[in-house]
C-alpha atoms as a PDB file:
ATOM      1  CA  MET A   1       5.655 -25.015 -42.428  1.00  0.00           C
ATOM      2  CA  ASN A   2       6.087 -22.632 -39.523  1.00  0.00           C
ATOM      3  CA  ALA A   3       3.694 -19.979 -38.310  1.00  0.00           C
ATOM      4  CA  PRO A   4       4.742 -16.416 -39.144  1.00  0.00           C
ATOM      5  CA  ASP A   5       7.286 -14.870 -36.779  1.00  0.00           C
ATOM      6  CA  ARG A   6       5.170 -12.678 -34.488  1.00  0.00           C
ATOM      7  CA  ASN A   7       7.995 -10.188 -33.952  1.00  0.00           C
ATOM      8  CA  LYS A   8       8.318  -9.647 -37.701  1.00  0.00           C
ATOM      9  CA  VAL A   9       4.548  -9.314 -38.056  1.00  0.00           C
ATOM     10  CA  ARG A  10       4.538  -6.853 -35.136  1.00  0.00           C
ATOM     11  CA  ASP A  11       7.289  -4.728 -36.697  1.00  0.00           C
ATOM     12  CA  VAL A  12       5.572  -4.576 -40.087  1.00  0.00           C
ATOM     13  CA  PHE A  13       2.182  -3.929 -38.466  1.00  0.00           C
ATOM     14  CA  LEU A  14       3.471  -1.039 -36.347  1.00  0.00           C
ATOM     15  CA  THR A  15       5.372   0.499 -39.280  1.00  0.00           C
ATOM     16  CA  THR A  16       2.266   0.198 -41.452  1.00  0.00           C
ATOM     17  CA  LEU A  17       0.093   1.734 -38.732  1.00  0.00           C
ATOM     18  CA  ARG A  18       2.476   4.682 -38.380  1.00  0.00           C
ATOM     19  CA  GLU A  19       2.436   5.199 -42.158  1.00  0.00           C
ATOM     20  CA  PHE A  20      -1.366   4.968 -42.123  1.00  0.00           C
ATOM     21  CA  LEU A  21      -1.615   7.599 -39.387  1.00  0.00           C
ATOM     22  CA  GLY A  22       0.927   9.868 -41.088  1.00  0.00           C
ATOM     23  CA  GLU A  23       1.678  13.054 -39.202  1.00  0.00           C
ATOM     24  CA  ASN A  24      -0.967  12.106 -36.624  1.00  0.00           C
ATOM     25  CA  ALA A  25       1.090   9.117 -35.426  1.00  0.00           C
ATOM     26  CA  PRO A  26       2.032   9.438 -31.746  1.00  0.00           C
ATOM     27  CA  ALA A  27       5.611   8.991 -30.590  1.00  0.00           C
ATOM     28  CA  GLU A  28       4.775   5.648 -29.022  1.00  0.00           C
ATOM     29  CA  ILE A  29       2.402   2.907 -30.102  1.00  0.00           C
ATOM     30  CA  THR A  30       2.393  -0.230 -27.958  1.00  0.00           C
ATOM     31  CA  GLU A  31       0.446  -3.469 -27.972  1.00  0.00           C
ATOM     32  CA  THR A  32      -1.907  -1.975 -25.370  1.00  0.00           C
ATOM     33  CA  THR A  33      -2.697   1.047 -27.543  1.00  0.00           C
ATOM     34  CA  ASP A  34      -6.423   1.344 -28.296  1.00  0.00           C
ATOM     35  CA  PRO A  35      -6.783   2.439 -31.943  1.00  0.00           C
ATOM     36  CA  PHE A  36     -10.061   4.255 -31.253  1.00  0.00           C
ATOM     37  CA  LYS A  37      -9.390   5.923 -27.899  1.00  0.00           C
ATOM     38  CA  ASP A  38      -5.654   6.501 -28.248  1.00  0.00           C
ATOM     39  CA  LEU A  39      -5.225   7.036 -32.007  1.00  0.00           C
ATOM     40  CA  GLY A  40      -8.561   8.595 -32.939  1.00  0.00           C
ATOM     41  CA  LEU A  41      -9.423   5.946 -35.529  1.00  0.00           C
ATOM     42  CA  ASP A  42     -12.901   4.569 -36.197  1.00  0.00           C
ATOM     43  CA  SER A  43     -14.359   1.430 -37.725  1.00  0.00           C
ATOM     44  CA  GLU A  44     -14.270   2.925 -41.238  1.00  0.00           C
ATOM     45  CA  ASP A  45     -10.539   3.538 -40.804  1.00  0.00           C
ATOM     46  CA  GLY A  46     -10.261  -0.134 -39.855  1.00  0.00           C
ATOM     47  CA  VAL A  47     -11.777  -1.195 -43.173  1.00  0.00           C
ATOM     48  CA  GLU A  48      -9.290   0.979 -45.070  1.00  0.00           C
ATOM     49  CA  PHE A  49      -6.420  -0.243 -42.869  1.00  0.00           C
ATOM     50  CA  ALA A  50      -7.426  -3.861 -43.599  1.00  0.00           C
ATOM     51  CA  CYS A  51      -6.812  -3.181 -47.303  1.00  0.00           C
ATOM     52  CA  VAL A  52      -3.390  -1.711 -46.535  1.00  0.00           C
ATOM     53  CA  LEU A  53      -2.523  -4.717 -44.336  1.00  0.00           C
ATOM     54  CA  SER A  54      -3.626  -7.109 -47.090  1.00  0.00           C
ATOM     55  CA  GLU A  55      -1.130  -5.481 -49.448  1.00  0.00           C
ATOM     56  CA  LYS A  56       1.701  -5.298 -46.894  1.00  0.00           C
ATOM     57  CA  PHE A  57       1.396  -8.910 -45.798  1.00  0.00           C
ATOM     58  CA  GLY A  58       0.346 -10.386 -49.142  1.00  0.00           C
ATOM     59  CA  CYS A  59      -2.682 -12.062 -47.609  1.00  0.00           C
ATOM     60  CA  LYS A  60      -6.374 -11.345 -47.766  1.00  0.00           C
ATOM     61  CA  VAL A  61      -8.007  -9.835 -44.722  1.00  0.00           C
ATOM     62  CA  PRO A  62     -11.574 -11.132 -45.161  1.00  0.00           C
ATOM     63  CA  ASP A  63     -14.143  -8.442 -45.938  1.00  0.00           C
ATOM     64  CA  GLU A  64     -16.095  -9.279 -42.793  1.00  0.00           C
ATOM     65  CA  VAL A  65     -13.005  -8.829 -40.574  1.00  0.00           C
ATOM     66  CA  ASN A  66     -12.060  -5.396 -39.289  1.00  0.00           C
ATOM     67  CA  PRO A  67      -8.606  -5.625 -37.689  1.00  0.00           C
ATOM     68  CA  LEU A  68      -9.433  -2.766 -35.333  1.00  0.00           C
ATOM     69  CA  VAL A  69     -12.764  -4.148 -34.092  1.00  0.00           C
ATOM     70  CA  ASP A  70     -13.386  -7.138 -31.844  1.00  0.00           C
ATOM     71  CA  ASP A  71     -16.846  -8.158 -33.019  1.00  0.00           C
ATOM     72  CA  ALA A  72     -17.229 -10.785 -30.292  1.00  0.00           C
ATOM     73  CA  GLY A  73     -16.574  -8.240 -27.573  1.00  0.00           C
ATOM     74  CA  GLN A  74     -18.240  -5.440 -29.531  1.00  0.00           C
ATOM     75  CA  CYS A  75     -15.344  -3.119 -28.807  1.00  0.00           C
ATOM     76  CA  SER A  76     -12.111  -1.916 -30.310  1.00  0.00           C
ATOM     77  CA  ARG A  77      -9.293  -4.422 -30.594  1.00  0.00           C
ATOM     78  CA  LEU A  78      -6.022  -3.349 -28.959  1.00  0.00           C
ATOM     79  CA  VAL A  79      -2.964  -3.185 -31.220  1.00  0.00           C
ATOM     80  CA  GLY A  80      -1.625  -6.455 -29.754  1.00  0.00           C
ATOM     81  CA  GLY A  81      -4.892  -8.205 -30.584  1.00  0.00           C
ATOM     82  CA  ALA A  82      -4.766  -6.880 -34.140  1.00  0.00           C
ATOM     83  CA  ILE A  83      -1.210  -8.209 -34.478  1.00  0.00           C
ATOM     84  CA  ASP A  84      -2.379 -11.618 -33.231  1.00  0.00           C
ATOM     85  CA  LEU A  85      -5.212 -11.506 -35.767  1.00  0.00           C
ATOM     86  CA  MET A  86      -2.755 -10.843 -38.591  1.00  0.00           C
ATOM     87  CA  CYS A  87      -0.560 -13.725 -37.396  1.00  0.00           C
ATOM     88  CA  ALA A  88      -3.607 -15.980 -37.686  1.00  0.00           C
ATOM     89  CA  LEU A  89      -4.477 -14.697 -41.177  1.00  0.00           C
ATOM     90  CA  ILE A  90      -1.011 -14.953 -42.721  1.00  0.00           C
ATOM     91  CA  PRO A  91      -0.529 -18.331 -44.382  1.00  0.00           C
ATOM     92  CA  LYS A  92       1.941 -20.578 -42.595  1.00  0.00           C
ATOM     93  CA  GLY A  93       5.433 -19.895 -43.884  1.00  0.00           C
ATOM     94  CA  GLY A  94       4.498 -16.260 -44.690  1.00  0.00           C
ATOM     95  CA  SER A  95       6.066 -13.032 -43.425  1.00  0.00           C
END
């Protein structure tokens, strides 16, 4: 089976992020957007957003994974990195 189409994952991710932010969503969100610095989110928001992403993509974001935090680098994960993470989590042949 094929890996998920990154462009489709990106589109769903960005739409979901805008919905999550609601009226606080900026006009432009790019792959270089920092969720903490640019969108005002924090690690707790990331945990809640992980639940929303799990529902949207029909895959489980592991409890120990925060899509907005790069634990290895101990910093926020840019939007592009979070999209890549979701591509890795979605079962092959998904979204």
